[in-house]
Amino acid sequence: MSTVEALRTAIVECGRRLWDRGFVASNDGNISVRLDETRLLTTPTGVSKGFMTPDMLVVTDMDGRVVAGGRRPSS
């Protein structure tokens, strides 16, 4: 498993735990991690943290422009 795949899995698990414990409701909040000097891996907008999958996550540049992924990033 690559580092990015491991980070995707970790973000999804973190989101599920937040949702399971009632710390987020519906599509609240966002989770992100800095991949390197120019890119972030972030949760998508409009998706419940309890039901995300790794392929839903979005890679953006530091200005929030989508670099990879088919969804809009959370703000």
N, C-alpha and C. Protein backbone atom coordinates (compact mmCIF):
# COMPACT_ATOMS: atom_id res chain seq x y z
N MET A 1 0.85 -1.18 0.00
CA MET A 1 0.00 0.00 0.00
C MET A 1 0.89 1.24 0.00
N SER A 2 0.58 2.18 -0.89
CA SER A 2 1.37 3.40 -0.95
C SER A 2 1.01 4.32 0.21
N THR A 3 1.83 5.32 0.42
CA THR A 3 1.58 6.29 1.48
C THR A 3 0.25 7.02 1.25
N VAL A 4 -0.02 7.42 0.02
CA VAL A 4 -1.26 8.14 -0.27
C VAL A 4 -2.46 7.22 -0.03
N GLU A 5 -2.36 5.96 -0.42
CA GLU A 5 -3.46 5.02 -0.16
C GLU A 5 -3.68 4.85 1.35
N ALA A 6 -2.60 4.77 2.09
CA ALA A 6 -2.70 4.64 3.56
C ALA A 6 -3.34 5.88 4.16
N LEU A 7 -3.00 7.06 3.66
CA LEU A 7 -3.60 8.30 4.15
C LEU A 7 -5.08 8.37 3.81
N ARG A 8 -5.44 7.93 2.61
CA ARG A 8 -6.85 7.88 2.23
C ARG A 8 -7.63 6.99 3.20
N THR A 9 -7.09 5.82 3.48
CA THR A 9 -7.73 4.88 4.40
C THR A 9 -7.85 5.49 5.79
N ALA A 10 -6.82 6.18 6.25
CA ALA A 10 -6.83 6.79 7.58
C ALA A 10 -7.87 7.91 7.67
N ILE A 11 -7.97 8.73 6.64
CA ILE A 11 -8.96 9.81 6.65
C ILE A 11 -10.38 9.24 6.68
N VAL A 12 -10.62 8.22 5.89
CA VAL A 12 -11.95 7.59 5.87
C VAL A 12 -12.27 7.00 7.25
N GLU A 13 -11.31 6.34 7.85
CA GLU A 13 -11.52 5.76 9.19
C GLU A 13 -11.76 6.85 10.23
N CYS A 14 -11.02 7.92 10.16
CA CYS A 14 -11.20 9.04 11.08
C CYS A 14 -12.60 9.62 10.92
N GLY A 15 -13.04 9.81 9.68
CA GLY A 15 -14.38 10.32 9.43
C GLY A 15 -15.46 9.41 9.97
N ARG A 16 -15.28 8.11 9.78
CA ARG A 16 -16.25 7.14 10.28
C ARG A 16 -16.34 7.20 11.80
N ARG A 17 -15.19 7.29 12.46
CA ARG A 17 -15.18 7.37 13.93
C ARG A 17 -15.83 8.65 14.43
N LEU A 18 -15.54 9.77 13.78
CA LEU A 18 -16.19 11.04 14.16
C LEU A 18 -17.70 10.93 14.03
N TRP A 19 -18.16 10.34 12.93
CA TRP A 19 -19.58 10.19 12.69
C TRP A 19 -20.21 9.23 13.69
N ASP A 20 -19.54 8.07 13.92
CA ASP A 20 -20.06 7.08 14.87
C ASP A 20 -20.24 7.65 16.26
N ARG A 21 -19.35 8.54 16.67
CA ARG A 21 -19.40 9.11 18.02
C ARG A 21 -20.28 10.36 18.12
N GLY A 22 -20.86 10.76 16.99
CA GLY A 22 -21.75 11.92 17.01
C GLY A 22 -21.04 13.26 17.03
N PHE A 23 -19.75 13.29 16.70
CA PHE A 23 -19.01 14.55 16.69
C PHE A 23 -19.28 15.37 15.43
N VAL A 24 -19.79 14.72 14.38
CA VAL A 24 -20.20 15.42 13.16
C VAL A 24 -21.59 14.90 12.79
N ALA A 25 -22.39 15.78 12.23
CA ALA A 25 -23.72 15.40 11.78
C ALA A 25 -23.81 15.63 10.28
N SER A 26 -24.58 14.79 9.64
CA SER A 26 -24.81 14.94 8.21
C SER A 26 -23.48 15.08 7.46
N ASN A 27 -23.29 16.20 6.77
CA ASN A 27 -22.07 16.41 5.96
C ASN A 27 -21.13 17.42 6.58
N ASP A 28 -21.23 17.63 7.89
CA ASP A 28 -20.41 18.62 8.59
C ASP A 28 -18.92 18.31 8.52
N GLY A 29 -18.14 19.37 8.65
CA GLY A 29 -16.70 19.26 8.85
C GLY A 29 -15.90 18.87 7.63
N ASN A 30 -14.60 18.88 7.83
CA ASN A 30 -13.68 18.40 6.79
C ASN A 30 -12.44 17.85 7.46
N ILE A 31 -11.77 16.99 6.73
CA ILE A 31 -10.53 16.37 7.21
C ILE A 31 -9.54 16.48 6.05
N SER A 32 -8.33 16.90 6.35
CA SER A 32 -7.33 16.99 5.29
C SER A 32 -5.95 16.68 5.85
N VAL A 33 -5.06 16.35 4.94
CA VAL A 33 -3.66 16.11 5.29
C VAL A 33 -2.79 16.69 4.17
N ARG A 34 -1.68 17.24 4.57
CA ARG A 34 -0.75 17.80 3.59
C ARG A 34 0.10 16.68 3.02
N LEU A 35 0.06 16.51 1.70
CA LEU A 35 0.83 15.46 1.04
C LEU A 35 2.28 15.86 0.81
N ASP A 36 2.48 17.12 0.46
CA ASP A 36 3.83 17.65 0.22
C ASP A 36 3.74 19.17 0.23
N GLU A 37 4.72 19.83 -0.30
CA GLU A 37 4.76 21.31 -0.27
C GLU A 37 3.63 21.97 -1.07
N THR A 38 3.05 21.24 -2.03
CA THR A 38 2.10 21.87 -2.94
C THR A 38 0.71 21.23 -2.96
N ARG A 39 0.51 20.10 -2.26
CA ARG A 39 -0.76 19.38 -2.39
C ARG A 39 -1.35 18.96 -1.05
N LEU A 40 -2.70 18.94 -1.03
CA LEU A 40 -3.47 18.47 0.12
C LEU A 40 -4.37 17.33 -0.32
N LEU A 41 -4.62 16.40 0.58
CA LEU A 41 -5.63 15.37 0.39
C LEU A 41 -6.76 15.73 1.32
N THR A 42 -7.97 15.89 0.80
CA THR A 42 -9.08 16.40 1.61
C THR A 42 -10.39 15.67 1.33
N THR A 43 -11.29 15.78 2.27
CA THR A 43 -12.60 15.19 2.11
C THR A 43 -13.40 16.01 1.10
N PRO A 44 -14.35 15.36 0.43
CA PRO A 44 -15.18 16.08 -0.53
C PRO A 44 -16.32 16.81 0.17
N THR A 45 -16.86 17.79 -0.49
CA THR A 45 -18.02 18.49 0.04
C THR A 45 -19.27 17.65 -0.22
N GLY A 46 -20.24 17.77 0.67
CA GLY A 46 -21.52 17.12 0.45
C GLY A 46 -21.56 15.62 0.69
N VAL A 47 -20.57 15.09 1.39
CA VAL A 47 -20.53 13.66 1.68
C VAL A 47 -20.43 13.47 3.19
N SER A 48 -21.27 12.60 3.73
CA SER A 48 -21.22 12.30 5.16
C SER A 48 -19.89 11.64 5.50
N LYS A 49 -19.28 12.10 6.59
CA LYS A 49 -18.00 11.51 7.02
C LYS A 49 -18.15 10.03 7.38
N GLY A 50 -19.36 9.61 7.73
CA GLY A 50 -19.59 8.22 8.09
C GLY A 50 -19.72 7.29 6.91
N PHE A 51 -19.84 7.83 5.71
CA PHE A 51 -20.07 7.00 4.54
C PHE A 51 -19.09 7.27 3.40
N MET A 52 -17.98 7.92 3.70
CA MET A 52 -16.95 8.17 2.68
C MET A 52 -16.24 6.88 2.32
N THR A 53 -15.69 6.87 1.12
CA THR A 53 -14.79 5.80 0.69
C THR A 53 -13.50 6.45 0.22
N PRO A 54 -12.38 5.73 0.23
CA PRO A 54 -11.10 6.34 -0.14
C PRO A 54 -11.10 7.00 -1.53
N ASP A 55 -11.84 6.44 -2.48
CA ASP A 55 -11.85 7.00 -3.83
C ASP A 55 -12.59 8.33 -3.92
N MET A 56 -13.35 8.69 -2.88
CA MET A 56 -14.08 9.96 -2.88
C MET A 56 -13.19 11.16 -2.53
N LEU A 57 -12.04 10.91 -1.93
CA LEU A 57 -11.18 12.01 -1.47
C LEU A 57 -10.59 12.75 -2.66
N VAL A 58 -10.23 14.00 -2.42
CA VAL A 58 -9.80 14.91 -3.48
C VAL A 58 -8.40 15.43 -3.17
N VAL A 59 -7.55 15.51 -4.18
CA VAL A 59 -6.24 16.14 -4.05
C VAL A 59 -6.35 17.54 -4.63
N THR A 60 -5.93 18.53 -3.85
CA THR A 60 -5.95 19.92 -4.32
C THR A 60 -4.56 20.53 -4.21
N ASP A 61 -4.38 21.66 -4.91
CA ASP A 61 -3.17 22.44 -4.67
C ASP A 61 -3.44 23.32 -3.45
N MET A 62 -2.48 24.11 -3.07
CA MET A 62 -2.62 24.92 -1.85
C MET A 62 -3.64 26.06 -2.00
N ASP A 63 -4.08 26.32 -3.22
CA ASP A 63 -5.11 27.33 -3.46
C ASP A 63 -6.50 26.70 -3.57
N GLY A 64 -6.60 25.39 -3.36
CA GLY A 64 -7.89 24.72 -3.39
C GLY A 64 -8.33 24.23 -4.75
N ARG A 65 -7.47 24.35 -5.76
CA ARG A 65 -7.82 23.86 -7.09
C ARG A 65 -7.64 22.35 -7.14
N VAL A 66 -8.60 21.64 -7.71
CA VAL A 66 -8.56 20.19 -7.79
C VAL A 66 -7.43 19.73 -8.72
N VAL A 67 -6.59 18.86 -8.19
CA VAL A 67 -5.49 18.26 -8.95
C VAL A 67 -5.87 16.83 -9.36
N ALA A 68 -6.60 16.15 -8.49
CA ALA A 68 -7.05 14.77 -8.77
C ALA A 68 -8.31 14.48 -7.98
N GLY A 69 -9.19 13.74 -8.59
CA GLY A 69 -10.44 13.37 -7.94
C GLY A 69 -11.62 13.93 -8.70
N GLY A 70 -12.73 13.26 -8.58
CA GLY A 70 -13.91 13.64 -9.36
C GLY A 70 -14.94 14.43 -8.58
N ARG A 71 -14.61 14.88 -7.39
CA ARG A 71 -15.57 15.63 -6.57
C ARG A 71 -14.99 17.00 -6.21
N ARG A 72 -15.86 17.84 -5.67
CA ARG A 72 -15.41 19.15 -5.18
C ARG A 72 -14.86 18.99 -3.78
N PRO A 73 -13.77 19.66 -3.46
CA PRO A 73 -13.21 19.55 -2.10
C PRO A 73 -14.02 20.35 -1.09
N SER A 74 -13.95 19.93 0.16
CA SER A 74 -14.57 20.73 1.21
C SER A 74 -13.78 22.03 1.35
N SER A 75 -14.41 23.04 1.92
CA SER A 75 -13.74 24.34 2.02
C SER A 75 -12.96 24.47 3.31
